[in-house]
Amino acid sequence: MAKHRLHTLIDGYNLIKCVPLYSESLNQSLAAARTHIEAELGSYAHKTSTEVTIFYDGDPDVAHPDYQQRDNVDIFFSLRK
């Protein structure tokens, strides 16, 4: 029987705004908060062998490609409108 790898999907901006752990980073900048959660979730993915995907949506000021991969984490940005 094949084992299935766990896959965690994260709403990045919701996590940043709702978890006090990231408030200090958010006070610096939204980019700093994104870097913080990406590093934390990358560490979690590595330690647990969990696949992690972060989605960032609705930020017209972000000029990133639609997809990135960093520290074992897949990162998607919604299209700017």
C-alpha atoms as a PDB file:
ATOM      1  CA  MET A   1       0.000   0.000   0.000  1.00  0.00           C
ATOM      2  CA  ALA A   2       1.452   3.370  -1.043  1.00  0.00           C
ATOM      3  CA  LYS A   3       1.841   6.038   1.611  1.00  0.00           C
ATOM      4  CA  HIS A   4       0.392   9.428   0.809  1.00  0.00           C
ATOM      5  CA  ARG A   5       2.438  12.473   1.711  1.00  0.00           C
ATOM      6  CA  LEU A   6       0.550  15.099   3.712  1.00  0.00           C
ATOM      7  CA  HIS A   7      -0.067  18.367   1.897  1.00  0.00           C
ATOM      8  CA  THR A   8      -0.824  21.561   3.791  1.00  0.00           C
ATOM      9  CA  LEU A   9      -2.403  24.530   1.995  1.00  0.00           C
ATOM     10  CA  ILE A  10      -1.897  27.946   3.586  1.00  0.00           C
ATOM     11  CA  ASP A  11      -3.698  31.237   2.932  1.00  0.00           C
ATOM     12  CA  GLY A  12      -0.568  33.339   3.434  1.00  0.00           C
ATOM     13  CA  TYR A  13      -2.076  36.754   4.107  1.00  0.00           C
ATOM     14  CA  ASN A  14      -4.684  35.299   6.473  1.00  0.00           C
ATOM     15  CA  LEU A  15      -1.922  33.576   8.442  1.00  0.00           C
ATOM     16  CA  ILE A  16       0.182  36.742   8.545  1.00  0.00           C
ATOM     17  CA  LYS A  17      -2.706  38.863   9.795  1.00  0.00           C
ATOM     18  CA  CYS A  18      -4.163  36.359  12.294  1.00  0.00           C
ATOM     19  CA  VAL A  19      -1.118  34.873  14.046  1.00  0.00           C
ATOM     20  CA  PRO A  20       0.589  37.112  16.630  1.00  0.00           C
ATOM     21  CA  LEU A  21       3.933  35.382  15.963  1.00  0.00           C
ATOM     22  CA  TYR A  22       4.149  37.299  12.683  1.00  0.00           C
ATOM     23  CA  SER A  23       3.030  40.721  13.961  1.00  0.00           C
ATOM     24  CA  GLU A  24       6.600  41.963  14.493  1.00  0.00           C
ATOM     25  CA  SER A  25       7.514  41.025  10.924  1.00  0.00           C
ATOM     26  CA  LEU A  26       4.317  42.630   9.639  1.00  0.00           C
ATOM     27  CA  ASN A  27       5.249  45.854  11.459  1.00  0.00           C
ATOM     28  CA  GLN A  28       8.468  45.903   9.396  1.00  0.00           C
ATOM     29  CA  SER A  29       6.767  45.219   6.064  1.00  0.00           C
ATOM     30  CA  LEU A  30       4.466  42.768   4.362  1.00  0.00           C
ATOM     31  CA  ALA A  31       7.473  41.375   2.467  1.00  0.00           C
ATOM     32  CA  ALA A  32       9.260  40.717   5.794  1.00  0.00           C
ATOM     33  CA  ALA A  33       6.183  38.894   7.105  1.00  0.00           C
ATOM     34  CA  ARG A  34       6.032  36.760   3.939  1.00  0.00           C
ATOM     35  CA  THR A  35       9.726  35.885   4.307  1.00  0.00           C
ATOM     36  CA  HIS A  36       9.135  34.953   7.962  1.00  0.00           C
ATOM     37  CA  ILE A  37       6.267  32.535   7.317  1.00  0.00           C
ATOM     38  CA  GLU A  38       7.997  31.043   4.282  1.00  0.00           C
ATOM     39  CA  ALA A  39      11.070  30.265   6.396  1.00  0.00           C
ATOM     40  CA  GLU A  40       8.979  28.817   9.236  1.00  0.00           C
ATOM     41  CA  LEU A  41       6.873  26.690   6.907  1.00  0.00           C
ATOM     42  CA  GLY A  42       9.962  25.585   4.982  1.00  0.00           C
ATOM     43  CA  SER A  43      11.442  24.310   8.233  1.00  0.00           C
ATOM     44  CA  TYR A  44       8.162  22.565   9.084  1.00  0.00           C
ATOM     45  CA  ALA A  45       8.012  20.950   5.627  1.00  0.00           C
ATOM     46  CA  HIS A  46      11.566  19.688   5.949  1.00  0.00           C
ATOM     47  CA  LYS A  47      11.128  18.295   9.478  1.00  0.00           C
ATOM     48  CA  THR A  48       7.797  16.588   8.827  1.00  0.00           C
ATOM     49  CA  SER A  49       8.119  15.626   5.133  1.00  0.00           C
ATOM     50  CA  THR A  50       4.866  17.492   4.584  1.00  0.00           C
ATOM     51  CA  GLU A  51       4.278  19.212   1.271  1.00  0.00           C
ATOM     52  CA  VAL A  52       3.431  22.881   1.913  1.00  0.00           C
ATOM     53  CA  THR A  53       1.807  25.330  -0.489  1.00  0.00           C
ATOM     54  CA  ILE A  54       1.233  28.991   0.344  1.00  0.00           C
ATOM     55  CA  PHE A  55      -1.243  31.137  -1.593  1.00  0.00           C
ATOM     56  CA  TYR A  56      -1.057  34.945  -1.510  1.00  0.00           C
ATOM     57  CA  ASP A  57      -4.000  36.780  -2.995  1.00  0.00           C
ATOM     58  CA  GLY A  58      -5.241  40.258  -3.702  1.00  0.00           C
ATOM     59  CA  ASP A  59      -2.102  42.359  -3.213  1.00  0.00           C
ATOM     60  CA  PRO A  60      -1.822  44.746  -6.162  1.00  0.00           C
ATOM     61  CA  ASP A  61       1.545  46.057  -4.899  1.00  0.00           C
ATOM     62  CA  VAL A  62       3.331  42.709  -5.215  1.00  0.00           C
ATOM     63  CA  ALA A  63       5.435  42.379  -8.348  1.00  0.00           C
ATOM     64  CA  HIS A  64       6.357  38.680  -8.089  1.00  0.00           C
ATOM     65  CA  PRO A  65       5.985  35.904 -10.606  1.00  0.00           C
ATOM     66  CA  ASP A  66       2.859  33.807 -10.235  1.00  0.00           C
ATOM     67  CA  TYR A  67       4.862  30.871  -8.830  1.00  0.00           C
ATOM     68  CA  GLN A  68       7.996  30.467  -6.715  1.00  0.00           C
ATOM     69  CA  GLN A  69       9.560  27.684  -4.713  1.00  0.00           C
ATOM     70  CA  ARG A  70      11.576  28.398  -1.584  1.00  0.00           C
ATOM     71  CA  ASP A  71      12.717  26.149   1.269  1.00  0.00           C
ATOM     72  CA  ASN A  72      10.587  23.148   0.238  1.00  0.00           C
ATOM     73  CA  VAL A  73       7.513  25.389  -0.061  1.00  0.00           C
ATOM     74  CA  ASP A  74       5.491  26.076  -3.206  1.00  0.00           C
ATOM     75  CA  ILE A  75       4.345  29.703  -3.323  1.00  0.00           C
ATOM     76  CA  PHE A  76       1.593  31.045  -5.574  1.00  0.00           C
ATOM     77  CA  PHE A  77       0.514  34.659  -6.071  1.00  0.00           C
ATOM     78  CA  SER A  78      -2.881  35.498  -7.545  1.00  0.00           C
ATOM     79  CA  LEU A  79      -2.919  37.608 -10.661  1.00  0.00           C
ATOM     80  CA  ARG A  80      -2.966  41.319 -10.003  1.00  0.00           C
ATOM     81  CA  LYS A  81      -6.037  43.201 -11.242  1.00  0.00           C
END
